[in-house]
Amino acid sequence: MTDLSTLANMAEILGAIVVIGGLIFAIIQMRSLRQQRRELAAIELFRSFGNANFNKAYETVLALPEGLSRGEINKRDPKARSCAMLICTTMENIGVMTYQRIVPFQVVHNLMGSSAVLLWRRLDKWVGELREDLENPDAFEWFQWLAEKLEEHNDPDSGPAYEANKDWEPASLSAEI
């Protein structure tokens, strides 16, 4: 009987070890899946900036002076209204993904930090008037939030990336692949 009791105890211990091992494996897999999701979101973010329509809209909006009203923007360039809308909807999506931590803030900051702030400065009055016309204070709220957070967390002493990171070296080619 003692041998059977010992075997039963060992089986219980082995079962507990298997369950604990399964839980550890599940946690590792969940973390890996979350990291993959973030990386895919960052890739999609990068792709959105390679889009020809976005690039044209970016160029159009960036050429506008700050503080123009909706009417002034519409008069300035016939396509400016649709360009402003494309910029705002893209930045809105990026703001939501950043807030939800789907894309890490540092990735957004590095990819388009100053650009988002510059675009917001050119479109803030346009968005404000759009909110009034729509009677919807939430219109493009995440674009505003994103620009404000990027500006708040900008280190003016860091300088441009090509200066701040001039000593950067890759770990090794095989380790990065």
N, C-alpha and C. Protein backbone atom coordinates (compact mmCIF):
# COMPACT_ATOMS: atom_id res chain seq x y z
N MET A 1 0.81 -1.20 0.00
CA MET A 1 0.00 0.00 0.00
C MET A 1 0.85 1.26 0.00
N THR A 2 1.99 1.19 0.66
CA THR A 2 2.84 2.36 0.74
C THR A 2 3.35 2.74 -0.64
N ASP A 3 3.68 1.75 -1.45
CA ASP A 3 4.17 2.03 -2.79
C ASP A 3 3.07 2.69 -3.63
N LEU A 4 1.85 2.20 -3.48
CA LEU A 4 0.73 2.79 -4.22
C LEU A 4 0.45 4.21 -3.74
N SER A 5 0.56 4.44 -2.45
CA SER A 5 0.38 5.79 -1.88
C SER A 5 1.48 6.72 -2.36
N THR A 6 2.70 6.23 -2.41
CA THR A 6 3.82 7.04 -2.88
C THR A 6 3.64 7.39 -4.35
N LEU A 7 3.22 6.43 -5.14
CA LEU A 7 2.97 6.69 -6.57
C LEU A 7 1.85 7.71 -6.76
N ALA A 8 0.82 7.62 -5.97
CA ALA A 8 -0.29 8.58 -6.06
C ALA A 8 0.19 9.98 -5.71
N ASN A 9 1.00 10.10 -4.66
CA ASN A 9 1.55 11.41 -4.27
C ASN A 9 2.45 11.97 -5.37
N MET A 10 3.28 11.11 -5.95
CA MET A 10 4.17 11.55 -7.03
C MET A 10 3.35 12.00 -8.25
N ALA A 11 2.27 11.29 -8.53
CA ALA A 11 1.41 11.66 -9.65
C ALA A 11 0.75 13.02 -9.40
N GLU A 12 0.34 13.26 -8.16
CA GLU A 12 -0.25 14.56 -7.82
C GLU A 12 0.78 15.68 -7.97
N ILE A 13 1.99 15.43 -7.51
CA ILE A 13 3.06 16.42 -7.62
C ILE A 13 3.37 16.67 -9.09
N LEU A 14 3.48 15.59 -9.86
CA LEU A 14 3.75 15.72 -11.29
C LEU A 14 2.62 16.49 -11.98
N GLY A 15 1.39 16.20 -11.61
CA GLY A 15 0.24 16.92 -12.17
C GLY A 15 0.30 18.40 -11.85
N ALA A 16 0.65 18.72 -10.61
CA ALA A 16 0.77 20.13 -10.22
C ALA A 16 1.88 20.82 -10.99
N ILE A 17 3.00 20.11 -11.19
CA ILE A 17 4.11 20.68 -11.96
C ILE A 17 3.69 20.93 -13.40
N VAL A 18 2.95 20.00 -13.98
CA VAL A 18 2.49 20.16 -15.36
C VAL A 18 1.54 21.36 -15.46
N VAL A 19 0.65 21.52 -14.50
CA VAL A 19 -0.28 22.66 -14.51
C VAL A 19 0.49 23.97 -14.38
N ILE A 20 1.42 24.03 -13.46
CA ILE A 20 2.22 25.24 -13.26
C ILE A 20 3.04 25.54 -14.53
N GLY A 21 3.63 24.49 -15.10
CA GLY A 21 4.39 24.67 -16.35
C GLY A 21 3.49 25.18 -17.47
N GLY A 22 2.27 24.67 -17.55
CA GLY A 22 1.32 25.12 -18.55
C GLY A 22 0.95 26.58 -18.36
N LEU A 23 0.76 27.00 -17.12
CA LEU A 23 0.45 28.39 -16.83
C LEU A 23 1.61 29.31 -17.22
N ILE A 24 2.82 28.89 -16.88
CA ILE A 24 4.01 29.69 -17.24
C ILE A 24 4.11 29.79 -18.76
N PHE A 25 3.92 28.69 -19.45
CA PHE A 25 3.97 28.69 -20.92
C PHE A 25 2.90 29.61 -21.49
N ALA A 26 1.70 29.56 -20.93
CA ALA A 26 0.61 30.42 -21.42
C ALA A 26 0.94 31.90 -21.22
N ILE A 27 1.51 32.25 -20.09
CA ILE A 27 1.89 33.64 -19.82
C ILE A 27 2.96 34.10 -20.81
N ILE A 28 3.94 33.24 -21.05
CA ILE A 28 4.99 33.59 -22.02
C ILE A 28 4.39 33.78 -23.41
N GLN A 29 3.49 32.90 -23.79
CA GLN A 29 2.86 33.01 -25.11
C GLN A 29 2.00 34.27 -25.23
N MET A 30 1.30 34.62 -24.17
CA MET A 30 0.48 35.84 -24.19
C MET A 30 1.36 37.08 -24.34
N ARG A 31 2.47 37.11 -23.64
CA ARG A 31 3.40 38.24 -23.77
C ARG A 31 3.97 38.32 -25.18
N SER A 32 4.31 37.18 -25.73
CA SER A 32 4.86 37.14 -27.08
C SER A 32 3.80 37.62 -28.09
N LEU A 33 2.57 37.18 -27.92
CA LEU A 33 1.49 37.61 -28.81
C LEU A 33 1.27 39.11 -28.70
N ARG A 34 1.30 39.65 -27.50
CA ARG A 34 1.13 41.09 -27.30
C ARG A 34 2.27 41.86 -27.98
N GLN A 35 3.49 41.36 -27.87
CA GLN A 35 4.63 42.01 -28.52
C GLN A 35 4.49 41.95 -30.03
N GLN A 36 4.05 40.83 -30.57
CA GLN A 36 3.83 40.71 -32.01
C GLN A 36 2.77 41.69 -32.48
N ARG A 37 1.71 41.82 -31.70
CA ARG A 37 0.63 42.75 -32.06
C ARG A 37 1.15 44.18 -32.09
N ARG A 38 1.97 44.54 -31.14
CA ARG A 38 2.55 45.88 -31.11
C ARG A 38 3.47 46.11 -32.31
N GLU A 39 4.26 45.11 -32.63
CA GLU A 39 5.16 45.23 -33.78
C GLU A 39 4.38 45.38 -35.08
N LEU A 40 3.30 44.60 -35.23
CA LEU A 40 2.47 44.72 -36.43
C LEU A 40 1.80 46.09 -36.51
N ALA A 41 1.35 46.59 -35.37
CA ALA A 41 0.74 47.93 -35.35
C ALA A 41 1.77 48.99 -35.73
N ALA A 42 3.00 48.83 -35.26
CA ALA A 42 4.05 49.78 -35.62
C ALA A 42 4.35 49.73 -37.11
N ILE A 43 4.34 48.53 -37.67
CA ILE A 43 4.56 48.38 -39.11
C ILE A 43 3.43 49.06 -39.89
N GLU A 44 2.20 48.86 -39.45
CA GLU A 44 1.06 49.51 -40.12
C GLU A 44 1.15 51.02 -39.99
N LEU A 45 1.59 51.49 -38.85
CA LEU A 45 1.79 52.92 -38.65
C LEU A 45 2.81 53.44 -39.66
N PHE A 46 3.90 52.72 -39.80
CA PHE A 46 4.93 53.11 -40.76
C PHE A 46 4.38 53.09 -42.19
N ARG A 47 3.59 52.09 -42.52
CA ARG A 47 3.01 52.00 -43.86
C ARG A 47 2.08 53.17 -44.16
N SER A 48 1.37 53.62 -43.16
CA SER A 48 0.43 54.72 -43.41
C SER A 48 1.18 55.98 -43.84
N PHE A 49 2.43 56.12 -43.42
CA PHE A 49 3.21 57.28 -43.83
C PHE A 49 3.83 57.10 -45.21
N GLY A 50 3.85 55.88 -45.71
CA GLY A 50 4.37 55.62 -47.04
C GLY A 50 3.30 55.71 -48.11
N ASN A 51 2.07 55.91 -47.69
CA ASN A 51 0.94 56.00 -48.59
C ASN A 51 1.01 57.31 -49.38
N ALA A 52 0.84 57.25 -50.70
CA ALA A 52 0.94 58.44 -51.55
C ALA A 52 -0.12 59.48 -51.19
N ASN A 53 -1.32 59.05 -50.85
CA ASN A 53 -2.38 60.00 -50.47
C ASN A 53 -2.03 60.73 -49.19
N PHE A 54 -1.51 59.98 -48.22
CA PHE A 54 -1.12 60.61 -46.97
C PHE A 54 0.03 61.59 -47.20
N ASN A 55 0.99 61.19 -48.00
CA ASN A 55 2.13 62.07 -48.27
C ASN A 55 1.70 63.37 -48.93
N LYS A 56 0.76 63.30 -49.87
CA LYS A 56 0.25 64.51 -50.53
C LYS A 56 -0.49 65.38 -49.50
N ALA A 57 -1.30 64.74 -48.67
CA ALA A 57 -2.04 65.48 -47.64
C ALA A 57 -1.07 66.12 -46.65
N TYR A 58 -0.05 65.39 -46.27
CA TYR A 58 0.97 65.90 -45.35
C TYR A 58 1.64 67.12 -45.95
N GLU A 59 2.04 67.02 -47.19
CA GLU A 59 2.70 68.13 -47.87
C GLU A 59 1.78 69.35 -47.95
N THR A 60 0.51 69.11 -48.28
CA THR A 60 -0.45 70.21 -48.41
C THR A 60 -0.68 70.90 -47.08
N VAL A 61 -0.92 70.12 -46.02
CA VAL A 61 -1.21 70.71 -44.71
C VAL A 61 0.03 71.38 -44.13
N LEU A 62 1.18 70.77 -44.31
CA LEU A 62 2.41 71.36 -43.78
C LEU A 62 2.72 72.70 -44.44
N ALA A 63 2.26 72.89 -45.67
CA ALA A 63 2.50 74.16 -46.38
C ALA A 63 1.58 75.28 -45.89
N LEU A 64 0.56 74.92 -45.12
CA LEU A 64 -0.38 75.93 -44.61
C LEU A 64 0.24 76.67 -43.42
N PRO A 65 -0.05 77.94 -43.29
CA PRO A 65 0.38 78.64 -42.07
C PRO A 65 -0.51 78.20 -40.89
N GLU A 66 -0.01 78.40 -39.70
CA GLU A 66 -0.78 78.06 -38.50
C GLU A 66 -1.95 79.02 -38.34
N GLY A 67 -3.04 78.51 -37.73
CA GLY A 67 -4.15 79.35 -37.32
C GLY A 67 -5.17 79.72 -38.39
N LEU A 68 -5.17 79.02 -39.52
CA LEU A 68 -6.17 79.34 -40.54
C LEU A 68 -7.53 78.75 -40.16
N SER A 69 -8.57 79.46 -40.51
CA SER A 69 -9.93 78.97 -40.26
C SER A 69 -10.28 77.93 -41.31
N ARG A 70 -11.41 77.27 -41.13
CA ARG A 70 -11.86 76.29 -42.12
C ARG A 70 -12.08 76.95 -43.47
N GLY A 71 -12.71 78.13 -43.46
CA GLY A 71 -12.96 78.85 -44.70
C GLY A 71 -11.67 79.23 -45.41
N GLU A 72 -10.69 79.68 -44.65
CA GLU A 72 -9.41 80.08 -45.24
C GLU A 72 -8.68 78.87 -45.84
N ILE A 73 -8.74 77.75 -45.15
CA ILE A 73 -8.10 76.54 -45.67
C ILE A 73 -8.80 76.08 -46.94
N ASN A 74 -10.13 76.11 -46.94
CA ASN A 74 -10.89 75.68 -48.11
C ASN A 74 -10.62 76.58 -49.32
N LYS A 75 -10.46 77.88 -49.08
CA LYS A 75 -10.19 78.82 -50.18
C LYS A 75 -8.76 78.69 -50.70
N ARG A 76 -7.85 78.39 -49.83
CA ARG A 76 -6.42 78.37 -50.16
C ARG A 76 -6.09 77.31 -51.21
N ASP A 77 -6.66 76.15 -51.08
CA ASP A 77 -6.38 75.04 -51.99
C ASP A 77 -7.64 74.17 -52.05
N PRO A 78 -8.14 73.91 -53.25
CA PRO A 78 -9.38 73.13 -53.35
C PRO A 78 -9.28 71.75 -52.68
N LYS A 79 -8.10 71.18 -52.64
CA LYS A 79 -7.94 69.84 -52.05
C LYS A 79 -7.57 69.91 -50.56
N ALA A 80 -7.37 71.10 -50.04
CA ALA A 80 -6.89 71.23 -48.65
C ALA A 80 -7.88 70.65 -47.65
N ARG A 81 -9.18 70.78 -47.91
CA ARG A 81 -10.18 70.26 -46.98
C ARG A 81 -10.07 68.74 -46.86
N SER A 82 -9.98 68.05 -48.00
CA SER A 82 -9.87 66.59 -47.95
C SER A 82 -8.51 66.16 -47.39
N CYS A 83 -7.48 66.96 -47.65
CA CYS A 83 -6.16 66.67 -47.07
C CYS A 83 -6.20 66.81 -45.55
N ALA A 84 -6.85 67.85 -45.08
CA ALA A 84 -6.98 68.05 -43.63
C ALA A 84 -7.76 66.90 -43.00
N MET A 85 -8.81 66.47 -43.67
CA MET A 85 -9.62 65.36 -43.15
C MET A 85 -8.80 64.07 -43.10
N LEU A 86 -8.00 63.81 -44.13
CA LEU A 86 -7.17 62.60 -44.15
C LEU A 86 -6.13 62.65 -43.03
N ILE A 87 -5.50 63.78 -42.86
CA ILE A 87 -4.51 63.93 -41.78
C ILE A 87 -5.19 63.71 -40.43
N CYS A 88 -6.33 64.35 -40.23
CA CYS A 88 -7.02 64.24 -38.92
C CYS A 88 -7.47 62.82 -38.63
N THR A 89 -8.03 62.12 -39.62
CA THR A 89 -8.49 60.76 -39.36
C THR A 89 -7.32 59.81 -39.12
N THR A 90 -6.23 60.00 -39.85
CA THR A 90 -5.04 59.17 -39.63
C THR A 90 -4.48 59.41 -38.23
N MET A 91 -4.33 60.67 -37.86
CA MET A 91 -3.78 60.99 -36.54
C MET A 91 -4.73 60.57 -35.42
N GLU A 92 -6.02 60.63 -35.69
CA GLU A 92 -7.01 60.16 -34.72
C GLU A 92 -6.79 58.67 -34.43
N ASN A 93 -6.62 57.89 -35.48
CA ASN A 93 -6.38 56.45 -35.31
C ASN A 93 -5.09 56.18 -34.56
N ILE A 94 -4.05 56.92 -34.90
CA ILE A 94 -2.77 56.74 -34.22
C ILE A 94 -2.89 57.13 -32.74
N GLY A 95 -3.64 58.20 -32.46
CA GLY A 95 -3.86 58.61 -31.08
C GLY A 95 -4.56 57.54 -30.27
N VAL A 96 -5.58 56.93 -30.84
CA VAL A 96 -6.31 55.86 -30.14
C VAL A 96 -5.38 54.67 -29.91
N MET A 97 -4.63 54.27 -30.95
CA MET A 97 -3.73 53.12 -30.80
C MET A 97 -2.65 53.40 -29.76
N THR A 98 -2.21 54.64 -29.67
CA THR A 98 -1.21 55.01 -28.67
C THR A 98 -1.82 54.95 -27.28
N TYR A 99 -3.00 55.55 -27.12
CA TYR A 99 -3.67 55.55 -25.81
C TYR A 99 -3.95 54.13 -25.33
N GLN A 100 -4.37 53.27 -26.24
CA GLN A 100 -4.68 51.89 -25.87
C GLN A 100 -3.42 51.04 -25.70
N ARG A 101 -2.27 51.66 -25.93
CA ARG A 101 -0.97 51.00 -25.81
C ARG A 101 -0.79 49.86 -26.82
N ILE A 102 -1.48 49.97 -27.93
CA ILE A 102 -1.29 49.01 -29.02
C ILE A 102 0.04 49.31 -29.70
N VAL A 103 0.30 50.59 -29.89
CA VAL A 103 1.60 51.04 -30.40
C VAL A 103 2.27 51.79 -29.25
N PRO A 104 3.47 51.41 -28.89
CA PRO A 104 4.15 52.09 -27.78
C PRO A 104 4.36 53.58 -28.07
N PHE A 105 4.21 54.39 -27.06
CA PHE A 105 4.35 55.83 -27.20
C PHE A 105 5.71 56.20 -27.79
N GLN A 106 6.76 55.51 -27.36
CA GLN A 106 8.11 55.83 -27.84
C GLN A 106 8.23 55.59 -29.34
N VAL A 107 7.56 54.56 -29.86
CA VAL A 107 7.58 54.30 -31.31
C VAL A 107 6.89 55.44 -32.05
N VAL A 108 5.73 55.86 -31.55
CA VAL A 108 5.02 56.97 -32.18
C VAL A 108 5.86 58.23 -32.10
N HIS A 109 6.44 58.48 -30.94
CA HIS A 109 7.29 59.66 -30.75
C HIS A 109 8.45 59.66 -31.74
N ASN A 110 9.10 58.53 -31.90
CA ASN A 110 10.25 58.45 -32.80
C ASN A 110 9.84 58.54 -34.26
N LEU A 111 8.71 57.94 -34.63
CA LEU A 111 8.29 57.94 -36.03
C LEU A 111 7.73 59.28 -36.49
N MET A 112 6.96 59.93 -35.64
CA MET A 112 6.28 61.12 -36.12
C MET A 112 5.97 62.16 -35.07
N GLY A 113 6.78 62.21 -34.03
CA GLY A 113 6.52 63.13 -32.93
C GLY A 113 6.39 64.58 -33.33
N SER A 114 7.41 65.14 -33.92
CA SER A 114 7.34 66.56 -34.27
C SER A 114 6.37 66.81 -35.41
N SER A 115 6.21 65.84 -36.31
CA SER A 115 5.28 66.00 -37.42
C SER A 115 3.84 66.14 -36.93
N ALA A 116 3.45 65.30 -35.98
CA ALA A 116 2.08 65.37 -35.46
C ALA A 116 1.82 66.71 -34.80
N VAL A 117 2.80 67.21 -34.08
CA VAL A 117 2.66 68.51 -33.42
C VAL A 117 2.53 69.62 -34.45
N LEU A 118 3.37 69.60 -35.48
CA LEU A 118 3.30 70.62 -36.54
C LEU A 118 1.97 70.57 -37.27
N LEU A 119 1.50 69.36 -37.56
CA LEU A 119 0.21 69.22 -38.25
C LEU A 119 -0.93 69.74 -37.37
N TRP A 120 -0.89 69.41 -36.08
CA TRP A 120 -1.94 69.88 -35.18
C TRP A 120 -1.97 71.41 -35.12
N ARG A 121 -0.81 72.02 -35.06
CA ARG A 121 -0.76 73.49 -35.00
C ARG A 121 -1.41 74.11 -36.23
N ARG A 122 -1.29 73.46 -37.36
CA ARG A 122 -1.89 74.00 -38.58
C ARG A 122 -3.38 73.71 -38.67
N LEU A 123 -3.83 72.69 -37.95
CA LEU A 123 -5.23 72.29 -38.08
C LEU A 123 -6.07 72.50 -36.83
N ASP A 124 -5.50 73.02 -35.74
CA ASP A 124 -6.26 73.12 -34.50
C ASP A 124 -7.47 74.03 -34.64
N LYS A 125 -7.32 75.15 -35.31
CA LYS A 125 -8.46 76.06 -35.50
C LYS A 125 -9.49 75.41 -36.42
N TRP A 126 -9.03 74.74 -37.46
CA TRP A 126 -9.92 74.03 -38.39
C TRP A 126 -10.74 73.00 -37.62
N VAL A 127 -10.09 72.23 -36.75
CA VAL A 127 -10.77 71.21 -35.96
C VAL A 127 -11.75 71.87 -34.98
N GLY A 128 -11.34 72.96 -34.35
CA GLY A 128 -12.22 73.66 -33.41
C GLY A 128 -13.51 74.13 -34.08
N GLU A 129 -13.38 74.68 -35.28
CA GLU A 129 -14.57 75.13 -36.02
C GLU A 129 -15.41 73.95 -36.49
N LEU A 130 -14.76 72.87 -36.86
CA LEU A 130 -15.49 71.66 -37.25
C LEU A 130 -16.29 71.13 -36.06
N ARG A 131 -15.70 71.13 -34.89
CA ARG A 131 -16.40 70.68 -33.68
C ARG A 131 -17.64 71.54 -33.42
N GLU A 132 -17.49 72.86 -33.60
CA GLU A 132 -18.64 73.76 -33.41
C GLU A 132 -19.72 73.47 -34.44
N ASP A 133 -19.34 73.35 -35.71
CA ASP A 133 -20.31 73.10 -36.76
C ASP A 133 -21.05 71.77 -36.56
N LEU A 134 -20.33 70.78 -36.10
CA LEU A 134 -20.92 69.46 -35.87
C LEU A 134 -21.60 69.35 -34.50
N GLU A 135 -21.38 70.36 -33.68
CA GLU A 135 -21.85 70.32 -32.29
C GLU A 135 -21.36 69.05 -31.61
N ASN A 136 -20.06 68.78 -31.84
CA ASN A 136 -19.45 67.56 -31.31
C ASN A 136 -18.04 67.90 -30.82
N PRO A 137 -17.89 68.12 -29.53
CA PRO A 137 -16.56 68.46 -28.99
C PRO A 137 -15.57 67.29 -29.04
N ASP A 138 -16.06 66.10 -29.40
CA ASP A 138 -15.18 64.93 -29.44
C ASP A 138 -14.50 64.74 -30.79
N ALA A 139 -14.87 65.51 -31.79
CA ALA A 139 -14.29 65.33 -33.12
C ALA A 139 -12.77 65.49 -33.06
N PHE A 140 -12.09 64.49 -33.51
CA PHE A 140 -10.62 64.45 -33.58
C PHE A 140 -9.96 64.71 -32.22
N GLU A 141 -10.62 64.25 -31.17
CA GLU A 141 -10.10 64.41 -29.82
C GLU A 141 -8.78 63.68 -29.61
N TRP A 142 -8.63 62.53 -30.27
CA TRP A 142 -7.41 61.75 -30.07
C TRP A 142 -6.24 62.34 -30.85
N PHE A 143 -6.50 63.04 -31.94
CA PHE A 143 -5.44 63.76 -32.64
C PHE A 143 -4.92 64.87 -31.73
N GLN A 144 -5.82 65.61 -31.11
CA GLN A 144 -5.41 66.67 -30.19
C GLN A 144 -4.65 66.08 -29.01
N TRP A 145 -5.18 65.03 -28.43
CA TRP A 145 -4.52 64.38 -27.30
C TRP A 145 -3.11 63.94 -27.67
N LEU A 146 -2.97 63.31 -28.83
CA LEU A 146 -1.67 62.82 -29.28
C LEU A 146 -0.68 63.96 -29.45
N ALA A 147 -1.09 65.02 -30.12
CA ALA A 147 -0.19 66.16 -30.34
C ALA A 147 0.23 66.78 -29.00
N GLU A 148 -0.72 66.92 -28.08
CA GLU A 148 -0.39 67.49 -26.78
C GLU A 148 0.57 66.60 -25.99
N LYS A 149 0.35 65.29 -26.02
CA LYS A 149 1.25 64.36 -25.31
C LYS A 149 2.63 64.35 -25.94
N LEU A 150 2.69 64.37 -27.26
CA LEU A 150 3.99 64.38 -27.93
C LEU A 150 4.76 65.66 -27.62
N GLU A 151 4.04 66.76 -27.58
CA GLU A 151 4.70 68.03 -27.25
C GLU A 151 5.13 68.06 -25.79
N GLU A 152 4.28 67.52 -24.93
CA GLU A 152 4.58 67.49 -23.49
C GLU A 152 5.82 66.64 -23.19
N HIS A 153 6.00 65.56 -23.93
CA HIS A 153 7.11 64.64 -23.67
C HIS A 153 8.28 64.85 -24.61
N ASN A 154 8.30 65.95 -25.31
CA ASN A 154 9.42 66.26 -26.18
C ASN A 154 10.55 66.87 -25.35
N ASP A 155 11.73 66.35 -25.54
CA ASP A 155 12.89 66.88 -24.83
C ASP A 155 13.60 67.85 -25.76
N PRO A 156 13.46 69.15 -25.52
CA PRO A 156 14.06 70.13 -26.43
C PRO A 156 15.59 70.09 -26.44
N ASP A 157 16.18 69.49 -25.40
CA ASP A 157 17.64 69.42 -25.33
C ASP A 157 18.21 68.20 -26.07
N SER A 158 17.33 67.28 -26.48
CA SER A 158 17.84 66.05 -27.11
C SER A 158 18.34 66.28 -28.52
N GLY A 159 17.80 67.24 -29.22
CA GLY A 159 18.22 67.51 -30.59
C GLY A 159 17.65 66.49 -31.55
N PRO A 160 17.92 66.66 -32.84
CA PRO A 160 17.42 65.70 -33.82
C PRO A 160 18.08 64.33 -33.65
N ALA A 161 17.40 63.29 -34.12
CA ALA A 161 17.88 61.91 -33.96
C ALA A 161 19.28 61.72 -34.52
N TYR A 162 19.56 62.34 -35.66
CA TYR A 162 20.88 62.14 -36.28
C TYR A 162 22.00 62.72 -35.42
N GLU A 163 21.69 63.66 -34.54
CA GLU A 163 22.70 64.19 -33.62
C GLU A 163 22.66 63.44 -32.28
N ALA A 164 21.46 63.24 -31.76
CA ALA A 164 21.31 62.62 -30.44
C ALA A 164 21.79 61.17 -30.43
N ASN A 165 21.72 60.49 -31.56
CA ASN A 165 22.07 59.07 -31.62
C ASN A 165 23.25 58.78 -32.54
N LYS A 166 24.12 59.74 -32.72
CA LYS A 166 25.22 59.56 -33.68
C LYS A 166 26.18 58.45 -33.27
N ASP A 167 26.25 58.09 -32.00
CA ASP A 167 27.15 57.04 -31.54
C ASP A 167 26.50 55.66 -31.54
N TRP A 168 25.28 55.56 -32.01
CA TRP A 168 24.55 54.29 -32.01
C TRP A 168 25.21 53.29 -32.94
N GLU A 169 25.30 52.05 -32.50
CA GLU A 169 25.82 50.96 -33.32
C GLU A 169 24.88 49.77 -33.16
N PRO A 170 24.66 49.02 -34.24
CA PRO A 170 23.82 47.82 -34.09
C PRO A 170 24.54 46.77 -33.25
N ALA A 171 23.76 45.95 -32.54
CA ALA A 171 24.35 44.91 -31.69
C ALA A 171 25.19 43.97 -32.55
N SER A 172 24.59 43.38 -33.54
CA SER A 172 25.27 42.58 -34.56
C SER A 172 24.21 42.25 -35.60
N LEU A 173 24.63 42.06 -36.80
CA LEU A 173 23.68 41.81 -37.87
C LEU A 173 22.89 40.53 -37.63
N SER A 174 23.54 39.47 -37.19
CA SER A 174 22.85 38.21 -36.98
C SER A 174 21.89 38.28 -35.80
N ALA A 175 22.18 39.12 -34.80
CA ALA A 175 21.30 39.22 -33.63
C ALA A 175 20.04 40.00 -33.97
N GLU A 176 20.08 40.89 -34.97
CA GLU A 176 18.92 41.72 -35.30
C GLU A 176 17.99 41.02 -36.29
N ILE A 177 18.42 39.98 -36.91
CA ILE A 177 17.59 39.29 -37.92
C ILE A 177 16.71 38.27 -37.27
